[in-house]
Structures are given as C-alpha cells and as structure tokens.
Amino acid sequence: MLSHLRPALVSMGLFTALLGVAYPLAVTGVAQAAFPVQANGSLVRDAGGKVVGSALIGQTFAKSEYFHGRPSAAGNGYDASASSGSNMGPLNDKLIAREKTDAAALRAENPGAVIPADAVTSSASGLDPDISPANARFQAPRVARERGVPVGQVTALVDAQVQQPLLGFIGQPRVNVLTLNRALDARFPKGG
C-alpha cells in the first residue's frame, strides 16, 4: 500500500507547488510587468495621489452638476460586494414601475429629448462604469445649467471623452463616467 501512496503524495505535492504556487506567481508577475495599471485595479487618483475610484467600477454621482451613471441593481447602488443584475424580466411589475419613475424624472429634467435606453436600464453586473455617448449628451444640458456654462462646451467635452470600440468593431462607443466627471471638474469647476 505504501508503494501506491507515496507516488500519489509526491504527485499531489508537486502539482500543488507547480499549479498552486508557481503558476499563479508567474501569471501575477507577467501581469504586473506587462499591464501594471490593469493588474492593480485601474485605480484613478487625484493630483495628491489619493484614490478616487476605479475606471472599471461604476460609482454614484448624485449631485446634479455631475453626469450620472446607469442605474445600478448591485446592492444599495454600485455596491461591489453585491455585484449582480436585478434578474427581473421585461414584464416584471417592479422593473416596469422603476423604469417609468426614472423616465418621468428624466423627462422633467430634459423635456422633449429622447431618453437613451441605458439611462433607465441597469447593466448585468450593476457596476458598469460607462454610459453611451447618447446618454452623456442627454445629460449635458442639465450639467451645463448647473455649472453655468454653455451646453455646447459641455457637449464638446463629452465628445472628447468618447472611447471607440476596441479595434474599431468590438463593443460600442462609450463614455467613462468617472473620467468624464473628473474632466468636467478640471475644465468647468462648480461655481467657476
């Protein structure tokens, strides 16, 4: 029996060391060397070096002088520990009521404008950091009004922040809400 047990234990030890220690360390090392920003969470820092968020995880911007992200179904809104969609189908009464309430508020904010779908629907993760360019342009009049600047300047800032699809065809054009709001603060400080 010992002749069968010894090779099994040696194999288990070898594969544990190889696949449980050496391989993860090698992958981590390559990631840190080749993609250090992404490997460390794509953290966004202010001028003083303080972390203000991540370019990969949405966060709440509730003040009217900021662009707002998509609605979040993750916990209590952009709660990374409760990442998930609502799992409500298109005929769910709660989802329909929430979307109607959100659409009514958006219609009052920007009468006569077409409301982009991503302004009232949440993403599958509930943590999407991006909105569509149409959603950002929809919000531009409110942001411009709150900041006291011409809407054309805010729209030009939005257009400058649009990220094109990867390789020109993978994904959709998008605007990262955190980087847009940081550019907004830099270009048009509140009250300035």
N, C-alpha and C. Protein backbone atom coordinates (compact mmCIF):
# COMPACT_ATOMS: atom_id res chain seq x y z
N MET A 1 0.82 -1.19 0.00
CA MET A 1 0.00 0.00 0.00
C MET A 1 0.87 1.26 0.00
N LEU A 2 1.97 1.25 0.74
CA LEU A 2 2.87 2.40 0.79
C LEU A 2 3.46 2.69 -0.59
N SER A 3 3.65 1.67 -1.39
CA SER A 3 4.20 1.87 -2.74
C SER A 3 3.20 2.61 -3.64
N HIS A 4 1.90 2.53 -3.33
CA HIS A 4 0.88 3.25 -4.09
C HIS A 4 0.65 4.64 -3.51
N LEU A 5 0.77 4.75 -2.21
CA LEU A 5 0.50 6.02 -1.53
C LEU A 5 1.62 7.04 -1.77
N ARG A 6 2.86 6.59 -1.76
CA ARG A 6 4.00 7.50 -1.92
C ARG A 6 3.95 8.25 -3.26
N PRO A 7 3.78 7.61 -4.41
CA PRO A 7 3.70 8.36 -5.67
C PRO A 7 2.51 9.33 -5.71
N ALA A 8 1.41 8.94 -5.10
CA ALA A 8 0.24 9.83 -5.07
C ALA A 8 0.55 11.08 -4.26
N LEU A 9 1.18 10.94 -3.09
CA LEU A 9 1.53 12.09 -2.26
C LEU A 9 2.59 12.97 -2.93
N VAL A 10 3.56 12.36 -3.57
CA VAL A 10 4.59 13.13 -4.28
C VAL A 10 3.95 13.91 -5.43
N SER A 11 3.06 13.25 -6.19
CA SER A 11 2.38 13.93 -7.30
C SER A 11 1.53 15.09 -6.79
N MET A 12 0.81 14.85 -5.69
CA MET A 12 -0.02 15.91 -5.13
C MET A 12 0.85 17.09 -4.69
N GLY A 13 1.94 16.83 -4.02
CA GLY A 13 2.85 17.90 -3.59
C GLY A 13 3.45 18.65 -4.77
N LEU A 14 3.87 17.90 -5.79
CA LEU A 14 4.46 18.52 -6.97
C LEU A 14 3.45 19.41 -7.70
N PHE A 15 2.24 18.89 -7.94
CA PHE A 15 1.24 19.67 -8.66
C PHE A 15 0.72 20.84 -7.82
N THR A 16 0.68 20.67 -6.50
CA THR A 16 0.30 21.79 -5.63
C THR A 16 1.33 22.90 -5.75
N ALA A 17 2.60 22.56 -5.69
CA ALA A 17 3.66 23.56 -5.81
C ALA A 17 3.66 24.20 -7.19
N LEU A 18 3.47 23.37 -8.23
CA LEU A 18 3.52 23.88 -9.59
C LEU A 18 2.28 24.72 -9.94
N LEU A 19 1.09 24.16 -9.73
CA LEU A 19 -0.14 24.82 -10.15
C LEU A 19 -0.77 25.72 -9.09
N GLY A 20 -0.42 25.48 -7.84
CA GLY A 20 -0.99 26.29 -6.76
C GLY A 20 -0.10 27.43 -6.31
N VAL A 21 1.20 27.36 -6.64
CA VAL A 21 2.13 28.40 -6.21
C VAL A 21 2.88 29.00 -7.41
N ALA A 22 3.62 28.18 -8.13
CA ALA A 22 4.49 28.69 -9.21
C ALA A 22 3.68 29.35 -10.33
N TYR A 23 2.63 28.69 -10.82
CA TYR A 23 1.85 29.24 -11.92
C TYR A 23 1.16 30.56 -11.53
N PRO A 24 0.46 30.64 -10.39
CA PRO A 24 -0.14 31.94 -10.03
C PRO A 24 0.90 33.05 -9.85
N LEU A 25 2.06 32.72 -9.28
CA LEU A 25 3.10 33.74 -9.14
C LEU A 25 3.62 34.20 -10.51
N ALA A 26 3.78 33.27 -11.44
CA ALA A 26 4.23 33.63 -12.78
C ALA A 26 3.21 34.52 -13.50
N VAL A 27 1.95 34.15 -13.42
CA VAL A 27 0.90 34.95 -14.07
C VAL A 27 0.82 36.34 -13.43
N THR A 28 0.91 36.41 -12.11
CA THR A 28 0.90 37.69 -11.41
C THR A 28 2.10 38.53 -11.82
N GLY A 29 3.26 37.92 -11.92
CA GLY A 29 4.46 38.64 -12.33
C GLY A 29 4.35 39.20 -13.74
N VAL A 30 3.84 38.39 -14.67
CA VAL A 30 3.67 38.85 -16.05
C VAL A 30 2.64 39.98 -16.09
N ALA A 31 1.55 39.84 -15.36
CA ALA A 31 0.52 40.88 -15.34
C ALA A 31 1.08 42.19 -14.78
N GLN A 32 1.85 42.10 -13.70
CA GLN A 32 2.44 43.30 -13.10
C GLN A 32 3.44 43.96 -14.05
N ALA A 33 4.19 43.15 -14.79
CA ALA A 33 5.19 43.70 -15.71
C ALA A 33 4.55 44.26 -16.99
N ALA A 34 3.59 43.54 -17.55
CA ALA A 34 3.02 43.94 -18.83
C ALA A 34 1.84 44.91 -18.70
N PHE A 35 1.02 44.74 -17.68
CA PHE A 35 -0.19 45.56 -17.51
C PHE A 35 -0.33 46.02 -16.06
N PRO A 36 0.58 46.83 -15.54
CA PRO A 36 0.54 47.17 -14.12
C PRO A 36 -0.71 47.95 -13.69
N VAL A 37 -1.21 48.84 -14.54
CA VAL A 37 -2.40 49.62 -14.17
C VAL A 37 -3.61 48.70 -14.04
N GLN A 38 -3.83 47.86 -15.05
CA GLN A 38 -4.97 46.95 -15.04
C GLN A 38 -4.83 45.90 -13.94
N ALA A 39 -3.63 45.39 -13.72
CA ALA A 39 -3.42 44.36 -12.71
C ALA A 39 -3.69 44.88 -11.30
N ASN A 40 -3.58 46.18 -11.13
CA ASN A 40 -3.81 46.78 -9.82
C ASN A 40 -5.16 47.46 -9.71
N GLY A 41 -6.09 47.13 -10.60
CA GLY A 41 -7.46 47.60 -10.47
C GLY A 41 -7.82 48.84 -11.25
N SER A 42 -6.96 49.32 -12.12
CA SER A 42 -7.22 50.54 -12.91
C SER A 42 -7.67 51.69 -12.02
N LEU A 43 -6.94 51.89 -10.93
CA LEU A 43 -7.28 52.92 -9.96
C LEU A 43 -7.06 54.32 -10.53
N VAL A 44 -7.97 55.22 -10.22
CA VAL A 44 -7.88 56.62 -10.63
C VAL A 44 -7.53 57.41 -9.39
N ARG A 45 -6.49 58.23 -9.50
CA ARG A 45 -6.00 59.02 -8.35
C ARG A 45 -6.13 60.51 -8.65
N ASP A 46 -6.31 61.29 -7.59
CA ASP A 46 -6.34 62.74 -7.75
C ASP A 46 -4.90 63.26 -7.80
N ALA A 47 -4.75 64.57 -7.89
CA ALA A 47 -3.42 65.18 -8.02
C ALA A 47 -2.53 64.86 -6.80
N GLY A 48 -3.14 64.64 -5.64
CA GLY A 48 -2.38 64.32 -4.44
C GLY A 48 -2.07 62.85 -4.28
N GLY A 49 -2.50 62.02 -5.23
CA GLY A 49 -2.24 60.59 -5.16
C GLY A 49 -3.31 59.78 -4.44
N LYS A 50 -4.35 60.45 -3.97
CA LYS A 50 -5.44 59.75 -3.27
C LYS A 50 -6.33 59.03 -4.29
N VAL A 51 -6.68 57.78 -4.00
CA VAL A 51 -7.55 57.02 -4.89
C VAL A 51 -8.97 57.59 -4.82
N VAL A 52 -9.52 57.92 -6.00
CA VAL A 52 -10.88 58.46 -6.07
C VAL A 52 -11.85 57.48 -6.71
N GLY A 53 -11.34 56.36 -7.21
CA GLY A 53 -12.21 55.36 -7.81
C GLY A 53 -11.43 54.45 -8.73
N SER A 54 -12.17 53.67 -9.48
CA SER A 54 -11.59 52.77 -10.47
C SER A 54 -12.27 53.03 -11.80
N ALA A 55 -11.49 52.96 -12.86
CA ALA A 55 -12.06 53.14 -14.19
C ALA A 55 -12.90 51.94 -14.61
N LEU A 56 -12.86 50.86 -13.80
CA LEU A 56 -13.58 49.63 -14.15
C LEU A 56 -14.87 49.41 -13.37
N ILE A 57 -15.09 50.20 -12.31
CA ILE A 57 -16.26 50.01 -11.45
C ILE A 57 -17.01 51.33 -11.33
N GLY A 58 -18.29 51.30 -11.66
CA GLY A 58 -19.11 52.50 -11.56
C GLY A 58 -19.28 52.94 -10.12
N GLN A 59 -19.60 54.21 -9.96
CA GLN A 59 -19.89 54.74 -8.63
C GLN A 59 -20.98 55.78 -8.75
N THR A 60 -21.58 56.11 -7.64
CA THR A 60 -22.71 57.03 -7.62
C THR A 60 -22.24 58.47 -7.69
N PHE A 61 -22.83 59.22 -8.60
CA PHE A 61 -22.68 60.67 -8.66
C PHE A 61 -24.10 61.22 -8.55
N ALA A 62 -24.51 61.64 -7.36
CA ALA A 62 -25.89 62.04 -7.14
C ALA A 62 -26.13 63.52 -7.41
N LYS A 63 -25.11 64.35 -7.28
CA LYS A 63 -25.31 65.79 -7.46
C LYS A 63 -25.65 66.11 -8.91
N SER A 64 -26.52 67.09 -9.09
CA SER A 64 -27.00 67.42 -10.44
C SER A 64 -25.94 68.06 -11.32
N GLU A 65 -24.84 68.55 -10.75
CA GLU A 65 -23.79 69.15 -11.58
C GLU A 65 -22.82 68.11 -12.14
N TYR A 66 -23.12 66.83 -11.90
CA TYR A 66 -22.29 65.74 -12.43
C TYR A 66 -23.11 64.87 -13.38
N PHE A 67 -22.39 64.19 -14.26
CA PHE A 67 -23.02 63.17 -15.10
C PHE A 67 -23.30 61.96 -14.23
N HIS A 68 -24.43 61.32 -14.47
CA HIS A 68 -24.83 60.15 -13.70
C HIS A 68 -24.60 58.89 -14.51
N GLY A 69 -24.23 57.81 -13.82
CA GLY A 69 -24.06 56.52 -14.48
C GLY A 69 -25.40 55.85 -14.69
N ARG A 70 -25.32 54.62 -15.18
CA ARG A 70 -26.54 53.83 -15.36
C ARG A 70 -27.13 53.49 -13.99
N PRO A 71 -28.43 53.23 -13.92
CA PRO A 71 -28.99 52.74 -12.66
C PRO A 71 -28.28 51.45 -12.26
N SER A 72 -28.10 51.24 -10.98
CA SER A 72 -27.39 50.05 -10.51
C SER A 72 -28.34 49.16 -9.71
N ALA A 73 -28.28 47.88 -10.00
CA ALA A 73 -29.05 46.89 -9.25
C ALA A 73 -28.18 46.18 -8.22
N ALA A 74 -26.94 46.63 -8.07
CA ALA A 74 -25.99 45.97 -7.16
C ALA A 74 -26.18 46.50 -5.75
N GLY A 75 -26.79 45.69 -4.92
CA GLY A 75 -26.97 46.06 -3.51
C GLY A 75 -27.66 47.40 -3.37
N ASN A 76 -27.00 48.31 -2.66
CA ASN A 76 -27.55 49.63 -2.42
C ASN A 76 -26.95 50.62 -3.42
N GLY A 77 -26.89 50.25 -4.68
CA GLY A 77 -26.35 51.12 -5.71
C GLY A 77 -24.84 51.10 -5.77
N TYR A 78 -24.29 50.49 -6.79
CA TYR A 78 -22.85 50.39 -7.02
C TYR A 78 -22.11 49.79 -5.83
N ASP A 79 -22.72 48.81 -5.21
CA ASP A 79 -22.10 48.08 -4.09
C ASP A 79 -21.34 46.90 -4.68
N ALA A 80 -20.01 47.01 -4.74
CA ALA A 80 -19.19 45.98 -5.39
C ALA A 80 -19.28 44.64 -4.68
N SER A 81 -19.65 44.63 -3.42
CA SER A 81 -19.76 43.35 -2.71
C SER A 81 -21.06 42.63 -3.05
N ALA A 82 -21.98 43.31 -3.74
CA ALA A 82 -23.25 42.70 -4.12
C ALA A 82 -23.48 42.84 -5.61
N SER A 83 -22.43 42.63 -6.39
CA SER A 83 -22.50 42.80 -7.84
C SER A 83 -23.45 41.79 -8.47
N SER A 84 -24.45 42.31 -9.14
CA SER A 84 -25.37 41.47 -9.88
C SER A 84 -26.42 42.34 -10.53
N GLY A 85 -27.10 41.76 -11.47
CA GLY A 85 -28.25 42.43 -12.05
C GLY A 85 -29.46 42.18 -11.17
N SER A 86 -30.57 42.75 -11.55
CA SER A 86 -31.79 42.56 -10.76
C SER A 86 -32.43 41.21 -11.06
N ASN A 87 -32.10 40.60 -12.20
CA ASN A 87 -32.71 39.36 -12.67
C ASN A 87 -34.21 39.48 -12.88
N MET A 88 -34.68 40.72 -13.06
CA MET A 88 -36.09 40.94 -13.36
C MET A 88 -36.27 40.94 -14.87
N GLY A 89 -37.30 40.22 -15.31
CA GLY A 89 -37.59 40.16 -16.74
C GLY A 89 -38.29 41.41 -17.21
N PRO A 90 -38.44 41.58 -18.51
CA PRO A 90 -39.03 42.79 -19.06
C PRO A 90 -40.51 42.99 -18.70
N LEU A 91 -41.16 41.95 -18.22
CA LEU A 91 -42.57 42.08 -17.84
C LEU A 91 -42.75 42.18 -16.32
N ASN A 92 -41.66 42.26 -15.57
CA ASN A 92 -41.73 42.35 -14.12
C ASN A 92 -42.30 43.71 -13.71
N ASP A 93 -43.33 43.69 -12.87
CA ASP A 93 -44.03 44.92 -12.48
C ASP A 93 -43.11 45.90 -11.73
N LYS A 94 -42.22 45.39 -10.87
CA LYS A 94 -41.31 46.27 -10.13
C LYS A 94 -40.33 46.96 -11.08
N LEU A 95 -39.81 46.21 -12.04
CA LEU A 95 -38.88 46.79 -13.02
C LEU A 95 -39.59 47.85 -13.87
N ILE A 96 -40.78 47.54 -14.33
CA ILE A 96 -41.53 48.49 -15.15
C ILE A 96 -41.83 49.76 -14.37
N ALA A 97 -42.22 49.62 -13.10
CA ALA A 97 -42.51 50.79 -12.26
C ALA A 97 -41.26 51.64 -12.05
N ARG A 98 -40.12 50.99 -11.78
CA ARG A 98 -38.88 51.74 -11.57
C ARG A 98 -38.47 52.48 -12.83
N GLU A 99 -38.57 51.81 -13.97
CA GLU A 99 -38.19 52.44 -15.23
C GLU A 99 -39.12 53.60 -15.57
N LYS A 100 -40.41 53.46 -15.29
CA LYS A 100 -41.36 54.55 -15.54
C LYS A 100 -41.05 55.74 -14.65
N THR A 101 -40.74 55.49 -13.38
CA THR A 101 -40.39 56.57 -12.46
C THR A 101 -39.11 57.28 -12.91
N ASP A 102 -38.10 56.49 -13.27
CA ASP A 102 -36.85 57.07 -13.75
C ASP A 102 -37.06 57.87 -15.03
N ALA A 103 -37.85 57.34 -15.96
CA ALA A 103 -38.11 58.03 -17.22
C ALA A 103 -38.87 59.34 -16.99
N ALA A 104 -39.81 59.34 -16.06
CA ALA A 104 -40.56 60.57 -15.76
C ALA A 104 -39.62 61.64 -15.20
N ALA A 105 -38.71 61.25 -14.32
CA ALA A 105 -37.75 62.21 -13.76
C ALA A 105 -36.82 62.75 -14.85
N LEU A 106 -36.40 61.88 -15.76
CA LEU A 106 -35.53 62.32 -16.85
C LEU A 106 -36.27 63.21 -17.84
N ARG A 107 -37.55 62.91 -18.09
CA ARG A 107 -38.35 63.75 -18.98
C ARG A 107 -38.52 65.15 -18.40
N ALA A 108 -38.69 65.24 -17.08
CA ALA A 108 -38.82 66.55 -16.43
C ALA A 108 -37.50 67.32 -16.48
N GLU A 109 -36.41 66.61 -16.42
CA GLU A 109 -35.08 67.22 -16.46
C GLU A 109 -34.74 67.75 -17.84
N ASN A 110 -35.19 67.05 -18.88
CA ASN A 110 -34.82 67.39 -20.25
C ASN A 110 -36.03 67.18 -21.15
N PRO A 111 -37.05 68.06 -21.05
CA PRO A 111 -38.29 67.87 -21.80
C PRO A 111 -38.07 67.80 -23.31
N GLY A 112 -38.78 66.89 -23.95
CA GLY A 112 -38.75 66.77 -25.40
C GLY A 112 -37.60 65.96 -25.96
N ALA A 113 -36.59 65.63 -25.15
CA ALA A 113 -35.44 64.86 -25.64
C ALA A 113 -35.75 63.37 -25.55
N VAL A 114 -35.16 62.62 -26.45
CA VAL A 114 -35.31 61.17 -26.44
C VAL A 114 -34.43 60.60 -25.32
N ILE A 115 -35.02 59.78 -24.47
CA ILE A 115 -34.28 59.21 -23.34
C ILE A 115 -33.53 57.96 -23.81
N PRO A 116 -32.21 57.94 -23.70
CA PRO A 116 -31.45 56.75 -24.10
C PRO A 116 -31.79 55.56 -23.21
N ALA A 117 -31.77 54.37 -23.78
CA ALA A 117 -32.15 53.16 -23.03
C ALA A 117 -31.27 52.95 -21.80
N ASP A 118 -29.97 53.24 -21.91
CA ASP A 118 -29.09 52.98 -20.77
C ASP A 118 -29.26 54.00 -19.65
N ALA A 119 -30.10 55.01 -19.84
CA ALA A 119 -30.39 55.95 -18.76
C ALA A 119 -31.40 55.37 -17.77
N VAL A 120 -32.15 54.35 -18.19
CA VAL A 120 -33.17 53.77 -17.31
C VAL A 120 -32.98 52.28 -17.05
N THR A 121 -32.01 51.65 -17.74
CA THR A 121 -31.78 50.22 -17.54
C THR A 121 -30.42 49.99 -16.89
N SER A 122 -30.34 49.01 -16.02
CA SER A 122 -29.06 48.70 -15.36
C SER A 122 -28.32 47.64 -16.17
N SER A 123 -27.02 47.56 -15.93
CA SER A 123 -26.22 46.55 -16.61
C SER A 123 -26.33 45.22 -15.88
N ALA A 124 -25.79 44.17 -16.48
CA ALA A 124 -25.86 42.85 -15.87
C ALA A 124 -25.12 42.79 -14.55
N SER A 125 -23.99 43.49 -14.44
CA SER A 125 -23.23 43.46 -13.19
C SER A 125 -23.75 44.47 -12.19
N GLY A 126 -24.41 45.51 -12.66
CA GLY A 126 -24.83 46.59 -11.78
C GLY A 126 -23.71 47.54 -11.46
N LEU A 127 -22.52 47.32 -12.03
CA LEU A 127 -21.34 48.13 -11.71
C LEU A 127 -20.73 48.77 -12.96
N ASP A 128 -21.47 48.87 -14.04
CA ASP A 128 -20.94 49.38 -15.30
C ASP A 128 -20.43 50.82 -15.11
N PRO A 129 -19.15 51.08 -15.42
CA PRO A 129 -18.60 52.42 -15.24
C PRO A 129 -18.89 53.35 -16.43
N ASP A 130 -19.45 52.79 -17.51
CA ASP A 130 -19.62 53.55 -18.74
C ASP A 130 -21.09 53.79 -19.06
N ILE A 131 -21.32 54.88 -19.80
CA ILE A 131 -22.64 55.16 -20.36
C ILE A 131 -22.44 55.38 -21.86
N SER A 132 -23.54 55.36 -22.59
CA SER A 132 -23.45 55.60 -24.03
C SER A 132 -23.22 57.09 -24.28
N PRO A 133 -22.61 57.44 -25.41
CA PRO A 133 -22.46 58.85 -25.75
C PRO A 133 -23.82 59.57 -25.80
N ALA A 134 -24.87 58.87 -26.25
CA ALA A 134 -26.20 59.47 -26.29
C ALA A 134 -26.68 59.83 -24.88
N ASN A 135 -26.42 58.96 -23.91
CA ASN A 135 -26.80 59.22 -22.52
C ASN A 135 -26.03 60.43 -21.99
N ALA A 136 -24.74 60.51 -22.27
CA ALA A 136 -23.94 61.65 -21.81
C ALA A 136 -24.43 62.95 -22.45
N ARG A 137 -24.73 62.91 -23.75
CA ARG A 137 -25.23 64.12 -24.42
C ARG A 137 -26.61 64.50 -23.90
N PHE A 138 -27.43 63.49 -23.53
CA PHE A 138 -28.73 63.76 -22.95
C PHE A 138 -28.60 64.54 -21.63
N GLN A 139 -27.57 64.22 -20.85
CA GLN A 139 -27.37 64.86 -19.55
C GLN A 139 -26.66 66.21 -19.64
N ALA A 140 -26.04 66.50 -20.79
CA ALA A 140 -25.24 67.72 -20.94
C ALA A 140 -26.00 69.00 -20.62
N PRO A 141 -27.27 69.19 -21.05
CA PRO A 141 -27.96 70.43 -20.72
C PRO A 141 -28.12 70.65 -19.20
N ARG A 142 -28.42 69.59 -18.46
CA ARG A 142 -28.53 69.73 -17.00
C ARG A 142 -27.20 70.12 -16.38
N VAL A 143 -26.14 69.43 -16.78
CA VAL A 143 -24.81 69.70 -16.23
C VAL A 143 -24.38 71.12 -16.57
N ALA A 144 -24.61 71.53 -17.82
CA ALA A 144 -24.24 72.89 -18.24
C ALA A 144 -25.01 73.94 -17.44
N ARG A 145 -26.30 73.71 -17.25
CA ARG A 145 -27.13 74.64 -16.49
C ARG A 145 -26.63 74.75 -15.05
N GLU A 146 -26.33 73.61 -14.42
CA GLU A 146 -25.86 73.61 -13.03
C GLU A 146 -24.48 74.25 -12.88
N ARG A 147 -23.65 74.13 -13.90
CA ARG A 147 -22.29 74.68 -13.85
C ARG A 147 -22.22 76.10 -14.39
N GLY A 148 -23.30 76.55 -15.04
CA GLY A 148 -23.31 77.91 -15.57
C GLY A 148 -22.41 78.10 -16.78
N VAL A 149 -22.35 77.08 -17.63
CA VAL A 149 -21.53 77.17 -18.85
C VAL A 149 -22.40 76.81 -20.06
N PRO A 150 -21.99 77.23 -21.24
CA PRO A 150 -22.78 76.90 -22.44
C PRO A 150 -22.83 75.39 -22.68
N VAL A 151 -23.99 74.91 -23.09
CA VAL A 151 -24.18 73.48 -23.31
C VAL A 151 -23.25 72.96 -24.40
N GLY A 152 -22.93 73.77 -25.37
CA GLY A 152 -22.04 73.36 -26.44
C GLY A 152 -20.65 73.00 -25.92
N GLN A 153 -20.17 73.71 -24.91
CA GLN A 153 -18.85 73.41 -24.34
C GLN A 153 -18.88 72.08 -23.58
N VAL A 154 -19.97 71.82 -22.88
CA VAL A 154 -20.10 70.56 -22.16
C VAL A 154 -20.24 69.40 -23.15
N THR A 155 -21.00 69.60 -24.21
CA THR A 155 -21.15 68.57 -25.24
C THR A 155 -19.80 68.29 -25.91
N ALA A 156 -19.02 69.33 -26.15
CA ALA A 156 -17.68 69.13 -26.74
C ALA A 156 -16.79 68.32 -25.80
N LEU A 157 -16.91 68.56 -24.50
CA LEU A 157 -16.15 67.78 -23.52
C LEU A 157 -16.59 66.32 -23.56
N VAL A 158 -17.90 66.08 -23.64
CA VAL A 158 -18.42 64.71 -23.77
C VAL A 158 -17.84 64.05 -25.00
N ASP A 159 -17.89 64.74 -26.13
CA ASP A 159 -17.39 64.17 -27.38
C ASP A 159 -15.90 63.83 -27.29
N ALA A 160 -15.14 64.63 -26.56
CA ALA A 160 -13.71 64.37 -26.39
C ALA A 160 -13.45 63.15 -25.52
N GLN A 161 -14.42 62.77 -24.69
CA GLN A 161 -14.27 61.64 -23.77
C GLN A 161 -14.79 60.32 -24.33
N VAL A 162 -15.38 60.34 -25.51
CA VAL A 162 -15.94 59.12 -26.10
C VAL A 162 -14.81 58.15 -26.44
N GLN A 163 -14.93 56.92 -25.95
CA GLN A 163 -13.97 55.85 -26.26
C GLN A 163 -14.60 54.98 -27.35
N GLN A 164 -13.85 54.77 -28.41
CA GLN A 164 -14.34 53.99 -29.54
C GLN A 164 -14.22 52.50 -29.25
N PRO A 165 -14.95 51.67 -29.98
CA PRO A 165 -14.86 50.21 -29.80
C PRO A 165 -13.43 49.71 -29.99
N LEU A 166 -13.08 48.67 -29.26
CA LEU A 166 -11.77 48.06 -29.36
C LEU A 166 -11.55 47.56 -30.78
N LEU A 167 -10.43 47.91 -31.38
CA LEU A 167 -10.08 47.54 -32.76
C LEU A 167 -11.10 48.05 -33.78
N GLY A 168 -11.93 48.98 -33.36
CA GLY A 168 -12.90 49.58 -34.25
C GLY A 168 -14.20 48.81 -34.42
N PHE A 169 -14.29 47.60 -33.87
CA PHE A 169 -15.52 46.82 -34.07
C PHE A 169 -15.93 45.97 -32.87
N ILE A 170 -15.14 45.92 -31.82
CA ILE A 170 -15.50 45.11 -30.65
C ILE A 170 -16.10 46.02 -29.58
N GLY A 171 -17.39 45.86 -29.35
CA GLY A 171 -18.08 46.68 -28.36
C GLY A 171 -18.76 47.88 -28.98
N GLN A 172 -19.15 48.80 -28.15
CA GLN A 172 -19.88 50.00 -28.56
C GLN A 172 -19.10 51.23 -28.11
N PRO A 173 -19.31 52.38 -28.75
CA PRO A 173 -18.73 53.62 -28.22
C PRO A 173 -19.26 53.85 -26.81
N ARG A 174 -18.42 54.38 -25.94
CA ARG A 174 -18.82 54.54 -24.54
C ARG A 174 -18.10 55.74 -23.93
N VAL A 175 -18.63 56.19 -22.80
CA VAL A 175 -18.03 57.29 -22.05
C VAL A 175 -17.90 56.82 -20.61
N ASN A 176 -16.69 56.87 -20.07
CA ASN A 176 -16.47 56.50 -18.67
C ASN A 176 -16.93 57.67 -17.80
N VAL A 177 -17.88 57.43 -16.91
CA VAL A 177 -18.49 58.49 -16.12
C VAL A 177 -17.49 59.13 -15.16
N LEU A 178 -16.64 58.33 -14.52
CA LEU A 178 -15.66 58.88 -13.59
C LEU A 178 -14.68 59.81 -14.31
N THR A 179 -14.12 59.37 -15.42
CA THR A 179 -13.15 60.22 -16.12
C THR A 179 -13.83 61.45 -16.72
N LEU A 180 -15.08 61.31 -17.17
CA LEU A 180 -15.82 62.46 -17.68
C LEU A 180 -16.04 63.49 -16.57
N ASN A 181 -16.47 63.04 -15.39
CA ASN A 181 -16.71 63.97 -14.29
C ASN A 181 -15.41 64.62 -13.80
N ARG A 182 -14.32 63.89 -13.83
CA ARG A 182 -13.02 64.48 -13.46
C ARG A 182 -12.61 65.54 -14.48
N ALA A 183 -12.81 65.26 -15.77
CA ALA A 183 -12.51 66.25 -16.81
C ALA A 183 -13.43 67.46 -16.67
N LEU A 184 -14.67 67.23 -16.30
CA LEU A 184 -15.64 68.30 -16.08
C LEU A 184 -15.18 69.21 -14.95
N ASP A 185 -14.76 68.62 -13.82
CA ASP A 185 -14.27 69.41 -12.69
C ASP A 185 -13.02 70.21 -13.07
N ALA A 186 -12.15 69.62 -13.87
CA ALA A 186 -10.93 70.31 -14.27
C ALA A 186 -11.22 71.48 -15.21
N ARG A 187 -12.15 71.27 -16.12
CA ARG A 187 -12.44 72.29 -17.15
C ARG A 187 -13.44 73.33 -16.68
N PHE A 188 -14.48 72.90 -15.97
CA PHE A 188 -15.54 73.80 -15.51
C PHE A 188 -15.81 73.59 -14.03
N PRO A 189 -14.96 74.10 -13.15
CA PRO A 189 -15.20 73.89 -11.71
C PRO A 189 -16.57 74.45 -11.31
N LYS A 190 -17.21 73.77 -10.39
CA LYS A 190 -18.54 74.18 -9.92
C LYS A 190 -18.44 75.57 -9.35
N GLY A 191 -19.29 76.47 -9.87
CA GLY A 191 -19.31 77.84 -9.40
C GLY A 191 -18.22 78.70 -10.04
N GLY A 192 -17.47 78.12 -11.00
CA GLY A 192 -16.36 78.85 -11.60
C GLY A 192 -16.56 79.11 -12.99
